[in-house]
């Protein structure tokens, strides 16, 4: 099996009504502990690398590192 990785943004899903404008007004930032709830499951699904993307900071990574 090939190794694969995953990474996520640090904000909630933007709904179908998104038209490319006013992104900050249409999303909710995820607190580090809430963010970590999602990628902590990825190693069990086979991810060898867990990374981060937009709006994820060092605090998010520190919480995630303590879990994964």
PDB file of N, CA and C in Angstrom:
ATOM      1  N   UNK A   1       0.840  -1.179   0.000  1.00  0.00           N
ATOM      2  CA  UNK A   1       0.000   0.000   0.000  1.00  0.00           C
ATOM      3  C   UNK A   1       0.884   1.241   0.000  1.00  0.00           C
ATOM      4  N   UNK A   2       0.502   2.222  -0.770  1.00  0.00           N
ATOM      5  CA  UNK A   2       1.234   3.491  -0.799  1.00  0.00           C
ATOM      6  C   UNK A   2       0.870   4.327   0.418  1.00  0.00           C
ATOM      7  N   UNK A   3       1.859   5.027   0.933  1.00  0.00           N
ATOM      8  CA  UNK A   3       1.607   5.966   2.027  1.00  0.00           C
ATOM      9  C   UNK A   3       0.889   7.188   1.475  1.00  0.00           C
ATOM     10  N   UNK A   4      -0.002   7.727   2.252  1.00  0.00           N
ATOM     11  CA  UNK A   4      -0.658   8.965   1.848  1.00  0.00           C
ATOM     12  C   UNK A   4      -0.816   9.860   3.066  1.00  0.00           C
ATOM     13  N   UNK A   5      -1.065  11.108   2.805  1.00  0.00           N
ATOM     14  CA  UNK A   5      -1.245  12.076   3.866  1.00  0.00           C
ATOM     15  C   UNK A   5      -2.530  12.850   3.667  1.00  0.00           C
ATOM     16  N   UNK A   6      -2.858  13.659   4.656  1.00  0.00           N
ATOM     17  CA  UNK A   6      -4.059  14.477   4.588  1.00  0.00           C
ATOM     18  C   UNK A   6      -3.807  15.777   5.343  1.00  0.00           C
ATOM     19  N   UNK A   7      -4.511  16.817   4.946  1.00  0.00           N
ATOM     20  CA  UNK A   7      -4.434  18.087   5.663  1.00  0.00           C
ATOM     21  C   UNK A   7      -5.761  18.806   5.511  1.00  0.00           C
ATOM     22  N   UNK A   8      -6.044  19.665   6.464  1.00  0.00           N
ATOM     23  CA  UNK A   8      -7.337  20.345   6.472  1.00  0.00           C
ATOM     24  C   UNK A   8      -7.173  21.819   6.800  1.00  0.00           C
ATOM     25  N   UNK A   9      -8.158  22.576   6.418  1.00  0.00           N
ATOM     26  CA  UNK A   9      -8.228  23.982   6.803  1.00  0.00           C
ATOM     27  C   UNK A   9      -8.696  24.082   8.246  1.00  0.00           C
ATOM     28  N   UNK A  10      -8.415  25.200   8.859  1.00  0.00           N
ATOM     29  CA  UNK A  10      -8.815  25.427  10.241  1.00  0.00           C
ATOM     30  C   UNK A  10     -10.132  26.156  10.366  1.00  0.00           C
ATOM     31  N   UNK A  11     -11.018  25.957   9.408  1.00  0.00           N
ATOM     32  CA  UNK A  11     -12.335  26.583   9.510  1.00  0.00           C
ATOM     33  C   UNK A  11     -13.397  25.606   9.036  1.00  0.00           C
ATOM     34  N   UNK A  12     -14.612  25.872   9.448  1.00  0.00           N
ATOM     35  CA  UNK A  12     -15.719  24.983   9.114  1.00  0.00           C
ATOM     36  C   UNK A  12     -16.056  25.071   7.635  1.00  0.00           C
ATOM     37  N   UNK A  13     -16.860  24.142   7.198  1.00  0.00           N
ATOM     38  CA  UNK A  13     -17.263  24.083   5.795  1.00  0.00           C
ATOM     39  C   UNK A  13     -17.974  25.364   5.374  1.00  0.00           C
ATOM     40  N   UNK A  14     -17.690  25.807   4.174  1.00  0.00           N
ATOM     41  CA  UNK A  14     -18.398  26.937   3.593  1.00  0.00           C
ATOM     42  C   UNK A  14     -19.535  26.347   2.781  1.00  0.00           C
ATOM     43  N   UNK A  15     -20.740  26.808   3.024  1.00  0.00           N
ATOM     44  CA  UNK A  15     -21.917  26.226   2.401  1.00  0.00           C
ATOM     45  C   UNK A  15     -21.991  26.424   0.901  1.00  0.00           C
ATOM     46  N   UNK A  16     -22.962  25.791   0.312  1.00  0.00           N
ATOM     47  CA  UNK A  16     -23.170  25.832  -1.137  1.00  0.00           C
ATOM     48  C   UNK A  16     -23.458  27.236  -1.647  1.00  0.00           C
ATOM     49  N   UNK A  17     -23.874  28.118  -0.754  1.00  0.00           N
ATOM     50  CA  UNK A  17     -24.185  29.490  -1.174  1.00  0.00           C
ATOM     51  C   UNK A  17     -22.927  30.334  -1.410  1.00  0.00           C
ATOM     52  N   UNK A  18     -21.743  29.784  -1.128  1.00  0.00           N
ATOM     53  CA  UNK A  18     -20.492  30.518  -1.307  1.00  0.00           C
ATOM     54  C   UNK A  18     -20.328  30.962  -2.752  1.00  0.00           C
ATOM     55  N   UNK A  19     -20.062  32.245  -2.937  1.00  0.00           N
ATOM     56  CA  UNK A  19     -19.917  32.777  -4.284  1.00  0.00           C
ATOM     57  C   UNK A  19     -18.527  33.366  -4.532  1.00  0.00           C
ATOM     58  N   UNK A  20     -17.590  33.099  -3.619  1.00  0.00           N
ATOM     59  CA  UNK A  20     -16.229  33.584  -3.794  1.00  0.00           C
ATOM     60  C   UNK A  20     -15.955  34.925  -3.133  1.00  0.00           C
ATOM     61  N   UNK A  21     -16.944  35.512  -2.496  1.00  0.00           N
ATOM     62  CA  UNK A  21     -16.770  36.810  -1.854  1.00  0.00           C
ATOM     63  C   UNK A  21     -16.999  36.692  -0.351  1.00  0.00           C
ATOM     64  N   UNK A  22     -16.367  37.568   0.380  1.00  0.00           N
ATOM     65  CA  UNK A  22     -16.594  37.690   1.825  1.00  0.00           C
ATOM     66  C   UNK A  22     -16.372  36.394   2.593  1.00  0.00           C
ATOM     67  N   UNK A  23     -15.310  35.707   2.288  1.00  0.00           N
ATOM     68  CA  UNK A  23     -15.033  34.442   2.956  1.00  0.00           C
ATOM     69  C   UNK A  23     -15.050  34.579   4.485  1.00  0.00           C
ATOM     70  N   UNK A  24     -14.380  35.575   5.074  1.00  0.00           N
ATOM     71  CA  UNK A  24     -14.389  35.638   6.545  1.00  0.00           C
ATOM     72  C   UNK A  24     -15.790  35.761   7.140  1.00  0.00           C
ATOM     73  N   UNK A  25     -16.722  36.317   6.407  1.00  0.00           N
ATOM     74  CA  UNK A  25     -18.081  36.486   6.911  1.00  0.00           C
ATOM     75  C   UNK A  25     -18.898  35.207   6.805  1.00  0.00           C
ATOM     76  N   UNK A  26     -18.411  34.212   6.104  1.00  0.00           N
ATOM     77  CA  UNK A  26     -19.203  33.010   5.843  1.00  0.00           C
ATOM     78  C   UNK A  26     -18.603  31.747   6.419  1.00  0.00           C
ATOM     79  N   UNK A  27     -17.595  31.888   7.258  1.00  0.00           N
ATOM     80  CA  UNK A  27     -17.009  30.690   7.840  1.00  0.00           C
ATOM     81  C   UNK A  27     -16.760  30.907   9.323  1.00  0.00           C
ATOM     82  N   UNK A  28     -16.624  29.834  10.020  1.00  0.00           N
ATOM     83  CA  UNK A  28     -16.363  29.862  11.449  1.00  0.00           C
ATOM     84  C   UNK A  28     -15.001  29.225  11.688  1.00  0.00           C
ATOM     85  N   UNK A  29     -14.122  29.959  12.357  1.00  0.00           N
ATOM     86  CA  UNK A  29     -12.800  29.421  12.665  1.00  0.00           C
ATOM     87  C   UNK A  29     -12.940  28.300  13.688  1.00  0.00           C
ATOM     88  N   UNK A  30     -12.163  27.248  13.512  1.00  0.00           N
ATOM     89  CA  UNK A  30     -12.191  26.137  14.448  1.00  0.00           C
ATOM     90  C   UNK A  30     -11.136  26.331  15.528  1.00  0.00           C
ATOM     91  N   UNK A  31     -11.544  26.210  16.765  1.00  0.00           N
ATOM     92  CA  UNK A  31     -10.602  26.250  17.886  1.00  0.00           C
ATOM     93  C   UNK A  31      -9.693  25.023  17.773  1.00  0.00           C
ATOM     94  N   UNK A  32      -8.485  25.087  18.324  1.00  0.00           N
ATOM     95  CA  UNK A  32      -7.546  23.970  18.188  1.00  0.00           C
ATOM     96  C   UNK A  32      -8.120  22.609  18.585  1.00  0.00           C
ATOM     97  N   UNK A  33      -8.822  22.526  19.705  1.00  0.00           N
ATOM     98  CA  UNK A  33      -9.353  21.234  20.137  1.00  0.00           C
ATOM     99  C   UNK A  33     -10.427  20.725  19.175  1.00  0.00           C
ATOM    100  N   UNK A  34     -11.240  21.610  18.657  1.00  0.00           N
ATOM    101  CA  UNK A  34     -12.285  21.203  17.710  1.00  0.00           C
ATOM    102  C   UNK A  34     -11.649  20.761  16.390  1.00  0.00           C
ATOM    103  N   UNK A  35     -10.657  21.493  15.926  1.00  0.00           N
ATOM    104  CA  UNK A  35      -9.937  21.119  14.712  1.00  0.00           C
ATOM    105  C   UNK A  35      -9.359  19.710  14.847  1.00  0.00           C
ATOM    106  N   UNK A  36      -8.746  19.430  15.996  1.00  0.00           N
ATOM    107  CA  UNK A  36      -8.057  18.156  16.215  1.00  0.00           C
ATOM    108  C   UNK A  36      -8.998  16.958  16.205  1.00  0.00           C
ATOM    109  N   UNK A  37     -10.289  17.190  16.429  1.00  0.00           N
ATOM    110  CA  UNK A  37     -11.250  16.082  16.405  1.00  0.00           C
ATOM    111  C   UNK A  37     -11.278  15.394  15.040  1.00  0.00           C
ATOM    112  N   UNK A  38     -11.005  16.137  13.984  1.00  0.00           N
ATOM    113  CA  UNK A  38     -11.097  15.591  12.637  1.00  0.00           C
ATOM    114  C   UNK A  38      -9.836  14.827  12.228  1.00  0.00           C
ATOM    115  N   UNK A  39      -8.660  15.464  12.203  1.00  0.00           N
ATOM    116  CA  UNK A  39      -7.479  14.732  11.728  1.00  0.00           C
ATOM    117  C   UNK A  39      -6.974  13.643  12.664  1.00  0.00           C
ATOM    118  N   UNK A  40      -7.418  13.618  13.904  1.00  0.00           N
ATOM    119  CA  UNK A  40      -6.955  12.542  14.791  1.00  0.00           C
ATOM    120  C   UNK A  40      -7.426  11.177  14.315  1.00  0.00           C
ATOM    121  N   UNK A  41      -8.461  11.133  13.481  1.00  0.00           N
ATOM    122  CA  UNK A  41      -8.973   9.858  12.961  1.00  0.00           C
ATOM    123  C   UNK A  41      -8.233   9.396  11.708  1.00  0.00           C
ATOM    124  N   UNK A  42      -7.498  10.260  11.071  1.00  0.00           N
ATOM    125  CA  UNK A  42      -6.872   9.936   9.794  1.00  0.00           C
ATOM    126  C   UNK A  42      -5.829   8.827   9.865  1.00  0.00           C
ATOM    127  N   UNK A  43      -4.965   8.768  10.901  1.00  0.00           N
ATOM    128  CA  UNK A  43      -4.007   7.651  10.949  1.00  0.00           C
ATOM    129  C   UNK A  43      -4.701   6.289  10.981  1.00  0.00           C
ATOM    130  N   UNK A  44      -5.838   6.203  11.660  1.00  0.00           N
ATOM    131  CA  UNK A  44      -6.584   4.936  11.678  1.00  0.00           C
ATOM    132  C   UNK A  44      -7.117   4.570  10.290  1.00  0.00           C
ATOM    133  N   UNK A  45      -7.295   5.588   9.455  1.00  0.00           N
ATOM    134  CA  UNK A  45      -7.763   5.355   8.088  1.00  0.00           C
ATOM    135  C   UNK A  45      -6.591   5.087   7.139  1.00  0.00           C
ATOM    136  N   UNK A  46      -5.365   5.147   7.669  1.00  0.00           N
ATOM    137  CA  UNK A  46      -4.200   4.820   6.872  1.00  0.00           C
ATOM    138  C   UNK A  46      -3.275   5.972   6.535  1.00  0.00           C
ATOM    139  N   UNK A  47      -3.590   7.182   6.960  1.00  0.00           N
ATOM    140  CA  UNK A  47      -2.726   8.329   6.653  1.00  0.00           C
ATOM    141  C   UNK A  47      -1.404   8.211   7.402  1.00  0.00           C
ATOM    142  N   UNK A  48      -0.317   8.338   6.668  1.00  0.00           N
ATOM    143  CA  UNK A  48       1.017   8.293   7.270  1.00  0.00           C
ATOM    144  C   UNK A  48       1.511   9.689   7.612  1.00  0.00           C
ATOM    145  N   UNK A  49       0.915  10.700   7.005  1.00  0.00           N
ATOM    146  CA  UNK A  49       1.307  12.092   7.205  1.00  0.00           C
ATOM    147  C   UNK A  49       0.042  12.888   7.484  1.00  0.00           C
ATOM    148  N   UNK A  50       0.071  13.681   8.539  1.00  0.00           N
ATOM    149  CA  UNK A  50      -1.044  14.576   8.857  1.00  0.00           C
ATOM    150  C   UNK A  50      -0.482  15.981   8.872  1.00  0.00           C
ATOM    151  N   UNK A  51      -1.024  16.843   8.037  1.00  0.00           N
ATOM    152  CA  UNK A  51      -0.527  18.201   7.931  1.00  0.00           C
ATOM    153  C   UNK A  51      -1.587  19.230   8.230  1.00  0.00           C
ATOM    154  N   UNK A  52      -1.330  20.436   7.780  1.00  0.00           N
ATOM    155  CA  UNK A  52      -2.255  21.530   8.047  1.00  0.00           C
ATOM    156  C   UNK A  52      -2.324  22.457   6.841  1.00  0.00           C
ATOM    157  N   UNK A  53      -3.316  23.297   6.834  1.00  0.00           N
ATOM    158  CA  UNK A  53      -3.510  24.239   5.739  1.00  0.00           C
ATOM    159  C   UNK A  53      -3.979  25.576   6.317  1.00  0.00           C
ATOM    160  N   UNK A  54      -4.770  26.279   5.591  1.00  0.00           N
ATOM    161  CA  UNK A  54      -5.205  27.638   5.934  1.00  0.00           C
ATOM    162  C   UNK A  54      -5.832  27.736   7.317  1.00  0.00           C
ATOM    163  N   UNK A  55      -5.458  28.772   8.038  1.00  0.00           N
ATOM    164  CA  UNK A  55      -5.993  29.114   9.357  1.00  0.00           C
ATOM    165  C   UNK A  55      -5.603  28.135  10.461  1.00  0.00           C
ATOM    166  N   UNK A  56      -4.661  27.249  10.199  1.00  0.00           N
ATOM    167  CA  UNK A  56      -4.162  26.345  11.228  1.00  0.00           C
ATOM    168  C   UNK A  56      -2.834  26.912  11.721  1.00  0.00           C
ATOM    169  N   UNK A  57      -2.734  27.082  13.025  1.00  0.00           N
ATOM    170  CA  UNK A  57      -1.528  27.664  13.594  1.00  0.00           C
ATOM    171  C   UNK A  57      -0.797  26.695  14.508  1.00  0.00           C
ATOM    172  N   UNK A  58       0.208  27.210  15.172  1.00  0.00           N
ATOM    173  CA  UNK A  58       1.040  26.369  16.031  1.00  0.00           C
ATOM    174  C   UNK A  58       0.253  25.763  17.190  1.00  0.00           C
ATOM    175  N   UNK A  59      -0.741  26.476  17.697  1.00  0.00           N
ATOM    176  CA  UNK A  59      -1.552  25.932  18.785  1.00  0.00           C
ATOM    177  C   UNK A  59      -2.362  24.739  18.306  1.00  0.00           C
ATOM    178  N   UNK A  60      -2.910  24.830  17.094  1.00  0.00           N
ATOM    179  CA  UNK A  60      -3.647  23.702  16.519  1.00  0.00           C
ATOM    180  C   UNK A  60      -2.734  22.482  16.409  1.00  0.00           C
ATOM    181  N   UNK A  61      -1.542  22.688  15.915  1.00  0.00           N
ATOM    182  CA  UNK A  61      -0.603  21.585  15.711  1.00  0.00           C
ATOM    183  C   UNK A  61      -0.174  20.993  17.051  1.00  0.00           C
ATOM    184  N   UNK A  62       0.034  21.834  18.051  1.00  0.00           N
ATOM    185  CA  UNK A  62       0.421  21.327  19.374  1.00  0.00           C
ATOM    186  C   UNK A  62      -0.659  20.423  19.951  1.00  0.00           C
ATOM    187  N   UNK A  63      -1.920  20.806  19.815  1.00  0.00           N
ATOM    188  CA  UNK A  63      -3.019  19.979  20.311  1.00  0.00           C
ATOM    189  C   UNK A  63      -3.070  18.670  19.521  1.00  0.00           C
ATOM    190  N   UNK A  64      -2.963  18.768  18.207  1.00  0.00           N
ATOM    191  CA  UNK A  64      -3.004  17.586  17.364  1.00  0.00           C
ATOM    192  C   UNK A  64      -1.833  16.656  17.674  1.00  0.00           C
ATOM    193  N   UNK A  65      -0.669  17.215  17.863  1.00  0.00           N
ATOM    194  CA  UNK A  65       0.518  16.393  18.142  1.00  0.00           C
ATOM    195  C   UNK A  65       0.358  15.612  19.442  1.00  0.00           C
ATOM    196  N   UNK A  66      -0.347  16.182  20.395  1.00  0.00           N
ATOM    197  CA  UNK A  66      -0.578  15.478  21.661  1.00  0.00           C
ATOM    198  C   UNK A  66      -1.555  14.331  21.532  1.00  0.00           C
ATOM    199  N   UNK A  67      -2.311  14.299  20.428  1.00  0.00           N
ATOM    200  CA  UNK A  67      -3.324  13.276  20.228  1.00  0.00           C
ATOM    201  C   UNK A  67      -2.840  12.182  19.292  1.00  0.00           C
ATOM    202  N   UNK A  68      -2.253  12.564  18.168  1.00  0.00           N
ATOM    203  CA  UNK A  68      -1.869  11.608  17.116  1.00  0.00           C
ATOM    204  C   UNK A  68      -0.572  10.920  17.482  1.00  0.00           C
TER     205      UNK A  68
END
